[in-house]
């Protein structure tokens, strides 16, 4: 496939193009740069930064400059005792400047600034949260591909073993030591192994397509061959619990609560009077250079104004109630976020430890099952065992391999979920 000039448009030129190996860290980095959620979170950061700057600027005065030019044409009577009208055609210009500043507004600007800063903190926490959520999605697709690759390798080993059993059964049947049923059963085993390989290969292609979509590369990707190693976690549960309570989801909920509290106080500031100062200076005349060539006669004005709304049809009361409700909602959301962090930590840590124990147990089971199949194969070759015993051992080996692959997958996913919860790599 290739990328065209249109933004975001990709044309596939070869759907069977060989995927390129990619490391997990590189896949996460590309997804965090290209994912729509990451772009949205970065845009939210920019918006919150602009809101903070605007809140600071609200303490500065409003300044404006004005200039105008007009043309007048018509007849005028210069004196009432002279009935003769005269033609008047002239240009007139005016220029001026004005300045205004809010001296007191009940503290609303301070609370708006506090809310803007809290929104900025929430946007930063959301950006971190989205980064690790995207990383979790990438890792899940990455580990899906690894599990499919391991399943394909297990199916290939199963196929080789079934073909060996077919050869043994055929030789024994030719020697008269086995029946045709043995050959048919081994043929069924070969078909099952081939079907398992096809299923694993299709799962691998699906996971690679999902991973390619997440990293948004103009070519298909696949996990690098050296990504099969399962890495442990060095931190204990107590440290993980503290990190979970300081995780991005909890931080975002805390910042949203702070913003709601600031909005609550800003809503109450509308019950205070406002005081404003205004200053202006302007003039007009016939100078076409707006007073630079022939200075105008300027007038200067300085005024102070105060206002207090006695009744605004209960709008202030409605805003105050809305702010109180929002503050109560965000406080409840923060409390729930902390409990959710504890609950998810227990869930993910339990899944991690269970998967770790399963890996150890299933690794030993695979080794024992492989040895059992080897012994049964030798016994069947010399006629000391039935084919049913060999097939039973082979089935146990297949199940042990599948369980080991699933345990490794569950361990990787649980670790990725813990990393998304605490907002850092483990």
Protein backbone atom coordinates (compact mmCIF):
# COMPACT_ATOMS: atom_id res chain seq x y z
CA UNK A 1 0.00 0.00 0.00
CA UNK A 2 1.02 3.63 -0.37
CA UNK A 3 -0.08 6.98 1.01
CA UNK A 4 -1.56 9.54 -1.37
CA UNK A 5 -1.50 13.33 -1.20
CA UNK A 6 -4.90 13.55 0.47
CA UNK A 7 -4.55 13.74 4.28
CA UNK A 8 -5.14 10.39 5.94
CA UNK A 9 -5.88 8.59 2.64
CA UNK A 10 -4.05 5.30 2.05
CA UNK A 11 -4.32 3.15 -1.06
CA UNK A 12 -3.44 -0.53 -0.79
CA UNK A 13 -1.33 -1.65 -3.73
CA UNK A 14 -0.66 -5.18 -2.49
CA UNK A 15 -2.75 -6.71 0.27
CA UNK A 16 -0.31 -9.63 0.49
CA UNK A 17 2.69 -7.38 1.11
CA UNK A 18 5.04 -8.97 3.64
CA UNK A 19 4.70 -7.26 7.05
CA UNK A 20 7.75 -5.56 8.48
CA UNK A 21 8.95 -6.46 11.99
CA UNK A 22 8.45 -3.78 14.61
CA UNK A 23 9.48 -3.60 18.25
CA UNK A 24 6.86 -3.03 20.94
CA UNK A 25 8.31 0.33 22.05
CA UNK A 26 8.35 1.60 18.48
CA UNK A 27 4.75 0.45 17.91
CA UNK A 28 3.61 2.25 21.07
CA UNK A 29 5.48 5.42 20.09
CA UNK A 30 3.92 5.51 16.62
CA UNK A 31 0.42 4.87 17.95
CA UNK A 32 0.76 7.59 20.59
CA UNK A 33 1.74 9.99 17.83
CA UNK A 34 -0.84 9.01 15.20
CA UNK A 35 -3.90 7.77 17.10
CA UNK A 36 -6.99 10.04 16.88
CA UNK A 37 -7.41 9.95 20.67
CA UNK A 38 -3.82 11.14 21.12
CA UNK A 39 -4.36 13.98 18.66
CA UNK A 40 -7.57 14.95 20.46
CA UNK A 41 -5.84 14.94 23.86
CA UNK A 42 -3.03 17.14 22.52
CA UNK A 43 -5.65 19.50 21.10
CA UNK A 44 -7.35 19.61 24.49
CA UNK A 45 -4.00 20.54 26.03
CA UNK A 46 -3.59 23.42 23.59
CA UNK A 47 -7.12 24.61 24.31
CA UNK A 48 -6.59 24.51 28.08
CA UNK A 49 -3.28 26.39 27.74
CA UNK A 50 -5.05 29.09 25.72
CA UNK A 51 -7.77 29.29 28.39
CA UNK A 52 -5.15 29.87 31.12
CA UNK A 53 -3.54 32.65 29.08
CA UNK A 54 -6.95 34.21 28.49
CA UNK A 55 -7.71 34.08 32.22
CA UNK A 56 -4.47 35.89 33.01
CA UNK A 57 -5.23 38.46 30.32
CA UNK A 58 -8.61 39.23 31.93
CA UNK A 59 -6.73 41.24 34.58
CA UNK A 60 -5.35 43.57 31.89
CA UNK A 61 -7.23 46.62 30.56
CA UNK A 62 -9.14 46.66 27.30
CA UNK A 63 -7.45 48.98 24.81
CA UNK A 64 -8.86 50.07 21.47
CA UNK A 65 -7.96 52.59 18.78
CA UNK A 66 -10.42 54.10 16.34
CA UNK A 67 -10.18 56.19 13.19
CA UNK A 68 -12.80 57.25 10.65
CA UNK A 69 -13.17 59.46 7.60
CA UNK A 70 -16.40 60.84 6.14
CA UNK A 71 -17.36 62.96 3.15
CA UNK A 72 -20.10 65.56 3.25
CA UNK A 73 -21.75 67.12 0.19
CA UNK A 74 -24.83 69.35 -0.23
CA UNK A 75 -26.16 72.89 0.11
CA UNK A 76 -26.00 74.89 3.28
CA UNK A 77 -27.18 78.34 4.39
CA UNK A 78 -24.28 79.94 6.22
CA UNK A 79 -26.42 82.72 7.84
CA UNK A 80 -30.10 82.98 8.44
CA UNK A 81 -30.20 86.58 7.16
CA UNK A 82 -28.60 85.57 3.84
CA UNK A 83 -31.04 83.58 1.75
CA UNK A 84 -28.38 82.46 -0.71
CA UNK A 85 -27.45 78.80 -0.38
CA UNK A 86 -23.85 77.67 -0.84
CA UNK A 87 -22.39 74.39 -1.97
CA UNK A 88 -20.47 72.48 0.74
CA UNK A 89 -18.19 69.59 -0.18
CA UNK A 90 -15.62 68.55 2.43
CA UNK A 91 -13.88 65.61 4.12
CA UNK A 92 -13.78 65.19 7.88
CA UNK A 93 -11.73 62.76 9.99
CA UNK A 94 -11.73 61.58 13.58
CA UNK A 95 -9.38 59.50 15.73
CA UNK A 96 -9.35 58.35 19.28
CA UNK A 97 -8.29 55.80 21.86
CA UNK A 98 -10.10 54.20 24.76
CA UNK A 99 -9.11 52.11 27.74
CA UNK A 100 -11.23 50.21 30.21
CA UNK A 101 -10.44 47.98 33.16
CA UNK A 102 -12.51 45.99 35.59
CA UNK A 103 -11.56 47.05 39.10
CA UNK A 104 -13.75 44.67 41.06
CA UNK A 105 -16.01 41.79 40.03
CA UNK A 106 -16.51 39.89 43.25
CA UNK A 107 -13.42 37.73 42.64
CA UNK A 108 -14.86 36.10 39.52
CA UNK A 109 -11.65 36.49 37.51
CA UNK A 110 -9.57 34.83 40.22
CA UNK A 111 -11.95 31.87 40.34
CA UNK A 112 -12.03 31.66 36.54
CA UNK A 113 -8.22 31.54 36.55
CA UNK A 114 -8.28 28.81 39.19
CA UNK A 115 -10.77 26.83 37.10
CA UNK A 116 -8.65 27.27 33.96
CA UNK A 117 -5.60 25.95 35.76
CA UNK A 118 -7.58 22.98 37.09
CA UNK A 119 -8.85 22.29 33.56
CA UNK A 120 -5.26 22.44 32.38
CA UNK A 121 -4.25 19.86 35.02
CA UNK A 122 -7.18 17.68 33.95
CA UNK A 123 -6.10 17.94 30.31
CA UNK A 124 -2.55 16.94 31.21
CA UNK A 125 -3.80 13.95 33.22
CA UNK A 126 -6.13 13.01 30.36
CA UNK A 127 -3.22 13.18 27.93
CA UNK A 128 -1.22 10.78 30.10
CA UNK A 129 -4.27 8.56 30.51
CA UNK A 130 -4.88 8.44 26.75
CA UNK A 131 -1.22 7.68 26.09
CA UNK A 132 -1.36 4.59 28.29
CA UNK A 133 -4.79 3.57 27.00
CA UNK A 134 -3.40 3.69 23.49
CA UNK A 135 -0.37 1.75 24.68
CA UNK A 136 -2.72 -0.87 26.16
CA UNK A 137 -4.54 -1.22 22.83
CA UNK A 138 -1.24 -1.56 20.98
CA UNK A 139 0.09 -4.12 23.43
CA UNK A 140 -3.09 -6.15 23.22
CA UNK A 141 -2.84 -6.32 19.41
CA UNK A 142 0.89 -6.97 19.71
CA UNK A 143 0.37 -9.81 22.18
CA UNK A 144 -2.49 -11.20 20.07
CA UNK A 145 -0.01 -11.52 17.23
CA UNK A 146 2.58 -13.14 19.51
CA UNK A 147 0.01 -15.64 20.82
CA UNK A 148 -1.06 -16.44 17.25
CA UNK A 149 2.55 -16.96 16.27
CA UNK A 150 3.11 -19.28 19.23
CA UNK A 151 -0.09 -21.14 18.35
CA UNK A 152 1.13 -21.56 14.79
CA UNK A 153 4.43 -22.98 16.04
CA UNK A 154 2.56 -25.37 18.35
CA UNK A 155 0.28 -26.43 15.47
CA UNK A 156 3.31 -27.05 13.27
CA UNK A 157 4.86 -29.25 15.96
CA UNK A 158 1.52 -31.04 16.28
CA UNK A 159 1.46 -31.60 12.51
CA UNK A 160 4.98 -33.00 12.51
CA UNK A 161 4.09 -35.34 15.33
CA UNK A 162 0.91 -36.46 13.54
CA UNK A 163 2.86 -37.12 10.34
CA UNK A 164 5.36 -39.20 12.30
CA UNK A 165 2.47 -41.14 13.81
CA UNK A 166 1.06 -41.67 10.32
CA UNK A 167 4.37 -43.12 9.16
CA UNK A 168 4.55 -45.45 12.17
CA UNK A 169 0.93 -46.56 11.77
CA UNK A 170 1.43 -47.16 8.03
CA UNK A 171 4.55 -49.24 8.67
CA UNK A 172 2.82 -51.32 11.34
CA UNK A 173 -0.23 -51.82 9.16
CA UNK A 174 2.03 -53.01 6.31
CA UNK A 175 3.63 -55.45 8.73
CA UNK A 176 0.22 -56.68 9.85
CA UNK A 177 0.68 -55.40 13.40
CA UNK A 178 -1.96 -52.67 13.17
CA UNK A 179 -5.37 -52.16 11.60
CA UNK A 180 -6.54 -49.60 9.07
CA UNK A 181 -8.28 -47.79 11.92
CA UNK A 182 -4.87 -46.68 13.22
CA UNK A 183 -4.05 -45.12 9.86
CA UNK A 184 -7.41 -43.36 9.70
CA UNK A 185 -7.03 -41.97 13.19
CA UNK A 186 -3.62 -40.53 12.39
CA UNK A 187 -5.10 -39.00 9.23
CA UNK A 188 -7.67 -37.26 11.42
CA UNK A 189 -4.86 -35.98 13.64
CA UNK A 190 -3.07 -34.56 10.59
CA UNK A 191 -6.26 -32.80 9.50
CA UNK A 192 -6.76 -31.34 12.98
CA UNK A 193 -3.17 -30.07 13.04
CA UNK A 194 -3.56 -28.49 9.60
CA UNK A 195 -6.79 -26.81 10.70
CA UNK A 196 -5.05 -25.49 13.83
CA UNK A 197 -2.28 -24.03 11.64
CA UNK A 198 -4.79 -22.34 9.34
CA UNK A 199 -6.65 -20.88 12.32
CA UNK A 200 -3.43 -19.59 13.91
CA UNK A 201 -2.27 -18.04 10.63
CA UNK A 202 -5.59 -16.26 10.18
CA UNK A 203 -5.44 -14.98 13.77
CA UNK A 204 -1.92 -13.74 13.10
CA UNK A 205 -2.98 -11.85 9.98
CA UNK A 206 -5.92 -10.30 11.84
CA UNK A 207 -3.71 -9.19 14.74
CA UNK A 208 -1.14 -7.75 12.31
CA UNK A 209 -3.87 -5.77 10.53
CA UNK A 210 -5.11 -4.43 13.88
CA UNK A 211 -1.58 -3.49 14.90
CA UNK A 212 -0.98 -1.76 11.56
CA UNK A 213 -4.13 0.31 12.02
CA UNK A 214 -3.07 1.38 15.50
CA UNK A 215 0.45 2.43 14.52
CA UNK A 216 -0.86 4.01 11.28
CA UNK A 217 2.08 3.05 9.09
CA UNK A 218 1.79 2.95 5.26
CA UNK A 219 2.90 -0.69 5.35
CA UNK A 220 1.82 -3.76 7.36
CA UNK A 221 3.77 -4.56 10.52
CA UNK A 222 4.31 -7.61 12.67
CA UNK A 223 5.92 -8.09 16.11
CA UNK A 224 9.68 -8.46 16.04
CA UNK A 225 10.93 -12.06 16.52
CA UNK A 226 12.66 -11.21 19.81
CA UNK A 227 9.41 -10.11 21.54
CA UNK A 228 8.41 -13.48 23.01
CA UNK A 229 10.22 -13.05 26.32
CA UNK A 230 7.95 -12.54 29.32
CA UNK A 231 9.31 -9.85 31.66
CA UNK A 232 8.40 -9.61 35.32
CA UNK A 233 7.56 -6.67 37.59
CA UNK A 234 10.05 -5.44 40.17
CA UNK A 235 7.58 -3.42 42.33
CA UNK A 236 5.65 -4.85 45.28
CA UNK A 237 1.90 -4.57 45.80
CA UNK A 238 2.18 -1.72 48.33
CA UNK A 239 4.11 0.45 45.91
CA UNK A 240 1.72 -0.45 43.10
CA UNK A 241 -1.22 0.55 45.32
CA UNK A 242 0.28 3.99 45.91
CA UNK A 243 0.97 4.42 42.20
CA UNK A 244 -2.59 3.40 41.36
CA UNK A 245 -4.04 6.07 43.69
CA UNK A 246 -1.79 8.61 41.95
CA UNK A 247 -2.62 7.28 38.50
CA UNK A 248 -3.76 9.47 35.60
CA UNK A 249 -7.45 8.54 35.95
CA UNK A 250 -7.50 9.62 39.61
CA UNK A 251 -5.50 12.76 38.85
CA UNK A 252 -7.91 13.70 36.08
CA UNK A 253 -10.91 13.22 38.39
CA UNK A 254 -9.21 15.32 41.09
CA UNK A 255 -8.49 18.15 38.64
CA UNK A 256 -12.08 18.10 37.40
CA UNK A 257 -13.29 18.38 41.00
CA UNK A 258 -11.00 21.38 41.59
CA UNK A 259 -12.36 23.01 38.43
CA UNK A 260 -15.93 22.43 39.61
CA UNK A 261 -15.14 23.99 43.00
CA UNK A 262 -13.70 27.06 41.27
CA UNK A 263 -16.80 27.32 39.08
CA UNK A 264 -18.95 27.07 42.21
CA UNK A 265 -17.18 30.06 43.76
CA UNK A 266 -17.29 31.99 40.49
CA UNK A 267 -21.08 31.51 40.38
CA UNK A 268 -21.41 33.08 43.84
CA UNK A 269 -19.35 36.10 42.79
CA UNK A 270 -22.30 37.32 40.70
CA UNK A 271 -23.97 38.44 43.98
CA UNK A 272 -21.31 41.15 44.41
CA UNK A 273 -21.32 44.55 42.67
CA UNK A 274 -18.89 45.33 39.85
CA UNK A 275 -16.70 48.41 39.52
CA UNK A 276 -15.19 49.55 36.21
CA UNK A 277 -12.96 52.42 35.13
CA UNK A 278 -12.97 53.84 31.58
CA UNK A 279 -10.73 56.40 29.90
CA UNK A 280 -11.05 57.81 26.40
CA UNK A 281 -9.44 60.52 24.27
CA UNK A 282 -10.61 61.57 20.81
CA UNK A 283 -10.98 64.42 18.37
CA UNK A 284 -12.19 65.29 14.88
CA UNK A 285 -11.47 67.80 12.13
CA UNK A 286 -10.80 68.29 8.43
CA UNK A 287 -7.19 67.04 8.49
CA UNK A 288 -6.88 64.08 6.15
CA UNK A 289 -3.91 62.76 8.16
CA UNK A 290 -6.12 62.10 11.18
CA UNK A 291 -4.64 64.91 13.22
CA UNK A 292 -0.96 64.32 12.52
CA UNK A 293 -0.67 67.22 10.03
CA UNK A 294 -3.05 69.64 11.74
CA UNK A 295 -3.77 68.46 15.31
CA UNK A 296 -7.38 68.04 16.27
CA UNK A 297 -8.95 69.51 19.34
CA UNK A 298 -9.03 66.46 21.54
CA UNK A 299 -11.40 65.69 24.36
CA UNK A 300 -10.47 63.47 27.29
CA UNK A 301 -12.87 61.52 29.48
CA UNK A 302 -12.30 59.50 32.68
CA UNK A 303 -15.23 57.72 34.27
CA UNK A 304 -15.98 55.18 36.98
CA UNK A 305 -19.05 53.02 36.96
CA UNK A 306 -20.57 50.60 39.43
CA UNK A 307 -23.42 48.21 38.89
CA UNK A 308 -25.34 45.74 40.96
CA UNK A 309 -28.14 43.67 39.48
CA UNK A 310 -31.00 43.58 41.93
CA UNK A 311 -33.05 41.07 39.99
CA UNK A 312 -32.04 39.10 36.90
CA UNK A 313 -35.01 36.71 36.68
CA UNK A 314 -33.28 34.17 38.95
CA UNK A 315 -30.43 33.51 36.49
CA UNK A 316 -27.85 33.79 39.25
CA UNK A 317 -29.69 31.28 41.38
CA UNK A 318 -29.89 28.84 38.48
CA UNK A 319 -26.15 29.16 37.78
CA UNK A 320 -25.37 28.66 41.46
CA UNK A 321 -27.48 25.50 41.65
CA UNK A 322 -25.88 24.13 38.48
CA UNK A 323 -22.41 24.81 39.92
CA UNK A 324 -23.32 23.12 43.22
CA UNK A 325 -24.63 20.04 41.41
CA UNK A 326 -21.52 19.86 39.21
CA UNK A 327 -19.27 20.10 42.26
CA UNK A 328 -21.16 17.29 43.99
CA UNK A 329 -20.99 15.13 40.85
CA UNK A 330 -17.25 15.58 40.38
CA UNK A 331 -16.60 14.91 44.07
CA UNK A 332 -18.50 11.63 43.77
CA UNK A 333 -16.61 10.82 40.56
CA UNK A 334 -13.29 11.42 42.34
CA UNK A 335 -14.28 9.15 45.21
CA UNK A 336 -15.37 6.46 42.76
CA UNK A 337 -12.14 6.85 40.76
CA UNK A 338 -10.11 6.08 43.89
CA UNK A 339 -12.21 3.02 44.70
CA UNK A 340 -12.01 1.94 41.05
CA UNK A 341 -8.22 2.23 41.17
CA UNK A 342 -8.10 -0.08 44.20
CA UNK A 343 -10.55 -2.52 42.62
CA UNK A 344 -8.69 -2.64 39.29
CA UNK A 345 -5.34 -3.00 41.06
CA UNK A 346 -6.68 -6.05 42.93
CA UNK A 347 -8.10 -7.48 39.72
CA UNK A 348 -5.04 -6.91 37.52
CA UNK A 349 -2.53 -7.92 40.18
CA UNK A 350 -4.47 -11.10 40.89
CA UNK A 351 -4.61 -11.91 37.17
CA UNK A 352 -0.87 -11.26 36.91
CA UNK A 353 0.05 -13.54 39.80
CA UNK A 354 -2.34 -16.25 38.64
CA UNK A 355 -0.91 -16.12 35.12
CA UNK A 356 2.62 -16.23 36.52
CA UNK A 357 1.81 -19.40 38.46
CA UNK A 358 0.10 -20.89 35.42
CA UNK A 359 3.18 -20.24 33.29
CA UNK A 360 5.36 -22.18 35.73
CA UNK A 361 2.87 -25.05 36.02
CA UNK A 362 2.12 -25.29 32.31
CA UNK A 363 5.81 -25.13 31.39
CA UNK A 364 6.38 -28.19 33.56
CA UNK A 365 3.27 -29.82 32.08
CA UNK A 366 4.51 -29.24 28.52
CA UNK A 367 7.88 -30.81 29.34
CA UNK A 368 6.19 -33.81 30.96
CA UNK A 369 3.71 -34.18 28.09
CA UNK A 370 6.48 -34.04 25.48
CA UNK A 371 8.35 -36.80 27.27
CA UNK A 372 5.15 -38.84 27.60
CA UNK A 373 4.48 -38.53 23.85
CA UNK A 374 8.05 -39.58 23.09
CA UNK A 375 7.73 -42.67 25.29
CA UNK A 376 4.32 -43.59 23.89
CA UNK A 377 5.62 -43.17 20.36
CA UNK A 378 8.44 -45.61 21.01
CA UNK A 379 6.12 -48.08 22.73
CA UNK A 380 3.63 -47.91 19.87
CA UNK A 381 6.40 -48.41 17.30
CA UNK A 382 7.40 -51.70 18.94
CA UNK A 383 3.82 -52.79 19.59
CA UNK A 384 3.92 -52.33 23.38
CA UNK A 385 1.20 -49.68 23.37
CA UNK A 386 -2.04 -48.94 21.56
CA UNK A 387 -2.55 -45.99 19.22
CA UNK A 388 -5.29 -44.74 21.54
CA UNK A 389 -2.72 -44.29 24.32
CA UNK A 390 -0.45 -42.35 21.97
CA UNK A 391 -3.30 -40.12 20.77
CA UNK A 392 -4.35 -39.46 24.35
CA UNK A 393 -0.82 -38.37 25.22
CA UNK A 394 -0.69 -36.19 22.10
CA UNK A 395 -3.97 -34.53 23.06
CA UNK A 396 -2.61 -33.80 26.53
CA UNK A 397 0.48 -32.23 24.97
CA UNK A 398 -1.64 -30.06 22.66
CA UNK A 399 -3.77 -28.90 25.58
CA UNK A 400 -0.69 -28.14 27.70
CA UNK A 401 0.85 -26.08 24.89
CA UNK A 402 -2.37 -24.13 24.36
CA UNK A 403 -2.67 -23.49 28.11
CA UNK A 404 0.92 -22.24 28.27
CA UNK A 405 0.34 -19.87 25.35
CA UNK A 406 -2.82 -18.54 27.01
CA UNK A 407 -1.02 -18.11 30.35
CA UNK A 408 1.75 -16.07 28.70
CA UNK A 409 -0.84 -13.96 26.91
CA UNK A 410 -2.82 -13.35 30.11
CA UNK A 411 0.37 -12.36 31.94
CA UNK A 412 1.33 -9.83 29.26
CA UNK A 413 -2.17 -8.34 29.18
CA UNK A 414 -2.38 -8.07 32.98
CA UNK A 415 0.96 -6.29 33.06
CA UNK A 416 -0.15 -3.87 30.33
CA UNK A 417 -3.36 -3.17 32.27
CA UNK A 418 -1.34 -2.42 35.39
CA UNK A 419 0.87 -0.01 33.42
CA UNK A 420 -2.23 1.79 32.09
CA UNK A 421 -3.64 1.98 35.63
CA UNK A 422 -0.54 3.48 37.28
CA UNK A 423 0.50 5.58 34.27
CA UNK A 424 4.08 4.33 33.98
CA UNK A 425 6.07 1.45 32.55
CA UNK A 426 6.74 -1.44 34.93
